[in-house]
Amino acid sequence: MKKIYVVLFSVILIVMYLLHSSLDLSLNAEITPRKLVKAPIEGEWIVDKTVVFGDKNLSDKDKDQWLNKPASFNSKTAVFDDKLCDSPSYKVKLVNAYNYFWDNFKINPKTLGLKEEKVEVITISSKDRYYDEYVKINENSIVKQNEDTLLFFKKSDSNKDGTAKNKENFIDYKSIASAKEKEVKNKSGFLLGLRDAKGSYRTIWISYINKNFMPVTEVNNILLPRMDGFWQLGSDNSLWAYPMKKDINKDNYKNIKEFSQGSSAIINFVGSDYVSIETSDKKLQVLPIDNLKSTPLKFAAALGQGLSNSLLKEDSSEKNTANFNEINWGVFRRAGRWILRSRKNTDEKNYKDFDMSYAITKSMIVYDELYPSFSEIKEKESEAIDAFSSPNRDFDVIITSTDILVLPIKDGKLSDVQNRIRLKKGEVPVMAHWATGSYVDDWAKIAR
């Protein structure tokens, strides 16, 4: 009889474990975003109120220009202000209403007539590219920030009877899609992050609109476009990153990785979600940008597989492979592409690097293609040591030991140099992000 009870008890424990494992229970709904296929703000909406915040004063005309503007969201498209997002992905995060409106806009939500204690922050993206962010107050009310103005939307009457009662609220999808396709092809922009020999950083913005290059601009530090907007990133005696939002800076955001006295780190690569660094003791680390204080990312966690045995045995002169571990790796730039590199520290000062022939996942690098090939680029510019190509194949950025060269592509071939930007001593690329279409205009506002 005892054996029967033991068996039954064991079965019950196993069933309980399996049930618990299958449930997606979040202990912190305010932190963990949910990724949805169906639009959480599905339907047609119109702007029915505007609120200006901050120190900016807008005329009634400027505020009223948004009233009755339509917006539409579903699983196939998201549209507002003639900006179309194809195949949108929606992420929802439940947050405290007071904290959100006060932290972002210095507004008490009660002064806006909002009674809800919790609201949903909905981030919309497509193919890992940020599109927009909305706050869902309830089933009939959403809010969006537009520079220094909050736009309040209500559900359109067209949701009830299937027809738009007001022609002004009708969205011409075909016209918008056609205009968007044309705009995407006619606009390209490039953010190039650079690190110099002193460990200082800057970001260069290069844009090409309607076959004309716009003035090149430059900002200090690394200017990083992410799903939730732009961030700044840099390193000195510490590594830091923070979102570029009102009243937020590297000191009060406190996303800082401190190094021991006399130690430091340099940045080798910045992706949308990860940064690859090299510490002063010659160790490599890959860290999530959202939490730089966390432990370095293991190779298997990032790539879904461990270091191969052939790589571990590649250095036959060393019998001891104890220092060849899965967190001592990084991302580097080499001859027109980003590559993965593992490092084996043989002692405190010496090390050996091993380039790894693994494909880098989209979670680390969204776009990294060359057109034309690097050999053809070298034929055009013999001093080229690196290069970047626009997804629209309308211009290339070529790196030499002394300059950044910007060349348009005409009829599939590289044309003459149109811009030449002088590199600082020892300056190398550590970040490359491309924008097309309306994103070029949005990024240009930040990069000026």
Foldseek 3Di string as FASTA:
>chain_A
DVVVVVVVVVVVVVVVVVVVVPDPDDPALQPDKDKDQWDPLAAKKAFAAKDFADDDDDDPVVRCVRGRFMWHDTNAWTDGPLDIDGRKMKIKGKDFPQCVCCVFGVDGVVVVVQDDRIWIWIWIDDLQAGDAIWIHSDNFWIWGDDPRMITIMGHAPCVVVVDHPDPNRDDDVVVSVVVQVVQQLFKKKKWFWKAAPVQWIKIKIWMGGNNRTDDIFMDGAHWAQGNVGIKGWGWDQKTFMDHPGPPDDRVVVVLIGHDPPPKIWHWAADFRFWTWIAIPQGFIFIAGNVHRNDHGDFQCNQQVDHDDPCQLCVPVVDPDSPQQGRGRKGWHDFQQFIWIKHWRAPDRRDIDIDTDPDDGDCVGPVDRDDAPDSVLVCVVPVQFGYKGATPSRQWIWTDGQFWIFIFTADPSHTDDTDDIGTDDHRMDTHYMDMDGGPVSVVVVVVRD
